[in-house]
């Protein structure tokens, strides 16, 4: 799997860079190496590096695991991030792939 560096000019990457900066700052404040953090959070050290550089976007569950190791909550992690991202007009709208369940014949469900 190859990753490309984030460019600060891309609005989406501004969020990734802000999350990465916050992670690195929190990790350094806790005096934990990337290797220790990765090991205790059960993820690869390379992934920690990619998050910190704004190249990778971790899931909320991965961030929660990282925050646990750093001794903080997700709320504390995001509290110092003052960035928002408006929807991009040129991006295709994500479709809802969920399909409603079909009522079985004779069902009393409305």
C-alpha atoms as a PDB file:
ATOM      1  CA  UNK A   1       0.000   0.000   0.000  1.00  0.00           C
ATOM      2  CA  UNK A   2       1.447   3.346  -0.980  1.00  0.00           C
ATOM      3  CA  UNK A   3       0.473   6.671   0.477  1.00  0.00           C
ATOM      4  CA  UNK A   4       0.983  10.129  -0.892  1.00  0.00           C
ATOM      5  CA  UNK A   5       1.993  13.071   1.269  1.00  0.00           C
ATOM      6  CA  UNK A   6      -0.744  15.466   2.309  1.00  0.00           C
ATOM      7  CA  UNK A   7      -0.722  18.882   0.707  1.00  0.00           C
ATOM      8  CA  UNK A   8      -1.706  21.791   2.919  1.00  0.00           C
ATOM      9  CA  UNK A   9      -3.520  23.389  -0.027  1.00  0.00           C
ATOM     10  CA  UNK A  10      -6.121  20.614  -0.109  1.00  0.00           C
ATOM     11  CA  UNK A  11      -8.919  21.523   2.333  1.00  0.00           C
ATOM     12  CA  UNK A  12      -9.437  17.875   3.311  1.00  0.00           C
ATOM     13  CA  UNK A  13      -5.779  17.503   4.181  1.00  0.00           C
ATOM     14  CA  UNK A  14      -5.915  20.508   6.503  1.00  0.00           C
ATOM     15  CA  UNK A  15      -8.015  18.348   8.823  1.00  0.00           C
ATOM     16  CA  UNK A  16      -5.597  15.404   8.539  1.00  0.00           C
ATOM     17  CA  UNK A  17      -2.651  17.690   9.238  1.00  0.00           C
ATOM     18  CA  UNK A  18      -4.387  19.217  12.276  1.00  0.00           C
ATOM     19  CA  UNK A  19      -5.192  15.753  13.689  1.00  0.00           C
ATOM     20  CA  UNK A  20      -1.614  14.644  13.036  1.00  0.00           C
ATOM     21  CA  UNK A  21      -0.160  17.706  14.747  1.00  0.00           C
ATOM     22  CA  UNK A  22      -2.453  17.182  17.734  1.00  0.00           C
ATOM     23  CA  UNK A  23      -1.464  13.521  17.991  1.00  0.00           C
ATOM     24  CA  UNK A  24       2.241  14.276  17.850  1.00  0.00           C
ATOM     25  CA  UNK A  25       1.901  17.075  20.407  1.00  0.00           C
ATOM     26  CA  UNK A  26      -0.064  14.800  22.770  1.00  0.00           C
ATOM     27  CA  UNK A  27       2.392  11.935  22.315  1.00  0.00           C
ATOM     28  CA  UNK A  28       5.398  14.158  22.985  1.00  0.00           C
ATOM     29  CA  UNK A  29       3.719  15.661  26.067  1.00  0.00           C
ATOM     30  CA  UNK A  30       3.131  12.126  27.367  1.00  0.00           C
ATOM     31  CA  UNK A  31       6.790  11.308  26.602  1.00  0.00           C
ATOM     32  CA  UNK A  32       5.822   8.209  24.607  1.00  0.00           C
ATOM     33  CA  UNK A  33       7.645   7.055  21.490  1.00  0.00           C
ATOM     34  CA  UNK A  34       5.794   6.155  18.306  1.00  0.00           C
ATOM     35  CA  UNK A  35       6.819   2.548  18.843  1.00  0.00           C
ATOM     36  CA  UNK A  36       5.479   2.417  22.409  1.00  0.00           C
ATOM     37  CA  UNK A  37       2.233   4.135  21.422  1.00  0.00           C
ATOM     38  CA  UNK A  38       1.730   1.805  18.480  1.00  0.00           C
ATOM     39  CA  UNK A  39       2.485  -1.278  20.538  1.00  0.00           C
ATOM     40  CA  UNK A  40       0.114  -0.342  23.353  1.00  0.00           C
ATOM     41  CA  UNK A  41      -2.649   0.754  20.932  1.00  0.00           C
ATOM     42  CA  UNK A  42      -2.246  -2.476  18.900  1.00  0.00           C
ATOM     43  CA  UNK A  43      -1.442  -0.739  15.619  1.00  0.00           C
ATOM     44  CA  UNK A  44       1.663  -0.443  13.446  1.00  0.00           C
ATOM     45  CA  UNK A  45       4.297   2.197  14.234  1.00  0.00           C
ATOM     46  CA  UNK A  46       4.231   3.165  10.553  1.00  0.00           C
ATOM     47  CA  UNK A  47       0.540   4.016  10.919  1.00  0.00           C
ATOM     48  CA  UNK A  48       1.291   6.356  13.845  1.00  0.00           C
ATOM     49  CA  UNK A  49       3.897   8.076  11.679  1.00  0.00           C
ATOM     50  CA  UNK A  50       1.447   8.405   8.775  1.00  0.00           C
ATOM     51  CA  UNK A  51      -1.241   9.887  11.036  1.00  0.00           C
ATOM     52  CA  UNK A  52       1.219  12.391  12.498  1.00  0.00           C
ATOM     53  CA  UNK A  53       2.285  13.461   8.999  1.00  0.00           C
ATOM     54  CA  UNK A  54      -1.332  13.880   7.867  1.00  0.00           C
ATOM     55  CA  UNK A  55      -1.035  11.076   5.330  1.00  0.00           C
ATOM     56  CA  UNK A  56      -3.401   8.573   6.982  1.00  0.00           C
ATOM     57  CA  UNK A  57      -6.861   9.099   8.428  1.00  0.00           C
ATOM     58  CA  UNK A  58      -7.473   6.866  11.443  1.00  0.00           C
ATOM     59  CA  UNK A  59     -10.925   5.607  12.323  1.00  0.00           C
ATOM     60  CA  UNK A  60     -12.620   6.890  15.454  1.00  0.00           C
ATOM     61  CA  UNK A  61     -12.019   3.513  17.111  1.00  0.00           C
ATOM     62  CA  UNK A  62      -8.278   3.708  16.386  1.00  0.00           C
ATOM     63  CA  UNK A  63      -8.183   7.273  17.730  1.00  0.00           C
ATOM     64  CA  UNK A  64     -10.031   6.122  20.859  1.00  0.00           C
ATOM     65  CA  UNK A  65      -7.398   3.393  21.388  1.00  0.00           C
ATOM     66  CA  UNK A  66      -4.611   5.915  20.894  1.00  0.00           C
ATOM     67  CA  UNK A  67      -6.253   8.356  23.306  1.00  0.00           C
ATOM     68  CA  UNK A  68      -6.586   5.615  25.917  1.00  0.00           C
ATOM     69  CA  UNK A  69      -2.834   4.968  25.747  1.00  0.00           C
ATOM     70  CA  UNK A  70      -2.165   8.709  25.974  1.00  0.00           C
ATOM     71  CA  UNK A  71      -4.420   8.969  29.039  1.00  0.00           C
ATOM     72  CA  UNK A  72      -6.978  11.254  27.430  1.00  0.00           C
ATOM     73  CA  UNK A  73     -10.493  11.098  26.037  1.00  0.00           C
ATOM     74  CA  UNK A  74     -11.573  11.752  22.474  1.00  0.00           C
ATOM     75  CA  UNK A  75     -13.225  14.949  23.719  1.00  0.00           C
ATOM     76  CA  UNK A  76      -9.917  16.134  25.164  1.00  0.00           C
ATOM     77  CA  UNK A  77      -8.106  15.181  21.963  1.00  0.00           C
ATOM     78  CA  UNK A  78     -10.469  17.177  19.753  1.00  0.00           C
ATOM     79  CA  UNK A  79     -11.043  20.063  22.192  1.00  0.00           C
ATOM     80  CA  UNK A  80      -8.020  22.005  20.957  1.00  0.00           C
ATOM     81  CA  UNK A  81      -8.749  21.479  17.260  1.00  0.00           C
ATOM     82  CA  UNK A  82     -10.576  24.502  15.919  1.00  0.00           C
ATOM     83  CA  UNK A  83     -11.069  23.467  12.333  1.00  0.00           C
ATOM     84  CA  UNK A  84     -14.161  22.644  10.337  1.00  0.00           C
ATOM     85  CA  UNK A  85     -14.594  21.596   6.754  1.00  0.00           C
ATOM     86  CA  UNK A  86     -17.439  22.680   4.486  1.00  0.00           C
ATOM     87  CA  UNK A  87     -18.780  20.125   2.012  1.00  0.00           C
ATOM     88  CA  UNK A  88     -16.954  20.239  -1.292  1.00  0.00           C
ATOM     89  CA  UNK A  89     -19.173  20.972  -4.302  1.00  0.00           C
ATOM     90  CA  UNK A  90     -16.969  19.052  -6.736  1.00  0.00           C
ATOM     91  CA  UNK A  91     -17.011  15.814  -4.739  1.00  0.00           C
ATOM     92  CA  UNK A  92     -19.612  13.195  -5.545  1.00  0.00           C
ATOM     93  CA  UNK A  93     -22.260  12.737  -2.906  1.00  0.00           C
ATOM     94  CA  UNK A  94     -21.894   9.531  -0.932  1.00  0.00           C
ATOM     95  CA  UNK A  95     -24.822   7.242  -1.495  1.00  0.00           C
ATOM     96  CA  UNK A  96     -26.571   5.458   1.329  1.00  0.00           C
ATOM     97  CA  UNK A  97     -26.052   1.806   0.505  1.00  0.00           C
ATOM     98  CA  UNK A  98     -28.471   0.630   3.188  1.00  0.00           C
ATOM     99  CA  UNK A  99     -31.544  -1.045   1.852  1.00  0.00           C
ATOM    100  CA  UNK A 100     -34.829  -1.142   3.749  1.00  0.00           C
ATOM    101  CA  UNK A 101     -35.963  -4.570   4.791  1.00  0.00           C
ATOM    102  CA  UNK A 102     -38.852  -5.899   2.809  1.00  0.00           C
ATOM    103  CA  UNK A 103     -41.926  -6.735   4.854  1.00  0.00           C
ATOM    104  CA  UNK A 104     -42.595 -10.443   4.894  1.00  0.00           C
ATOM    105  CA  UNK A 105     -45.916 -11.457   3.298  1.00  0.00           C
ATOM    106  CA  UNK A 106     -48.746 -11.284   5.778  1.00  0.00           C
ATOM    107  CA  UNK A 107     -46.773  -9.028   8.103  1.00  0.00           C
ATOM    108  CA  UNK A 108     -48.664  -6.578  10.281  1.00  0.00           C
ATOM    109  CA  UNK A 109     -45.789  -4.084  10.099  1.00  0.00           C
ATOM    110  CA  UNK A 110     -46.689  -0.763   8.553  1.00  0.00           C
END
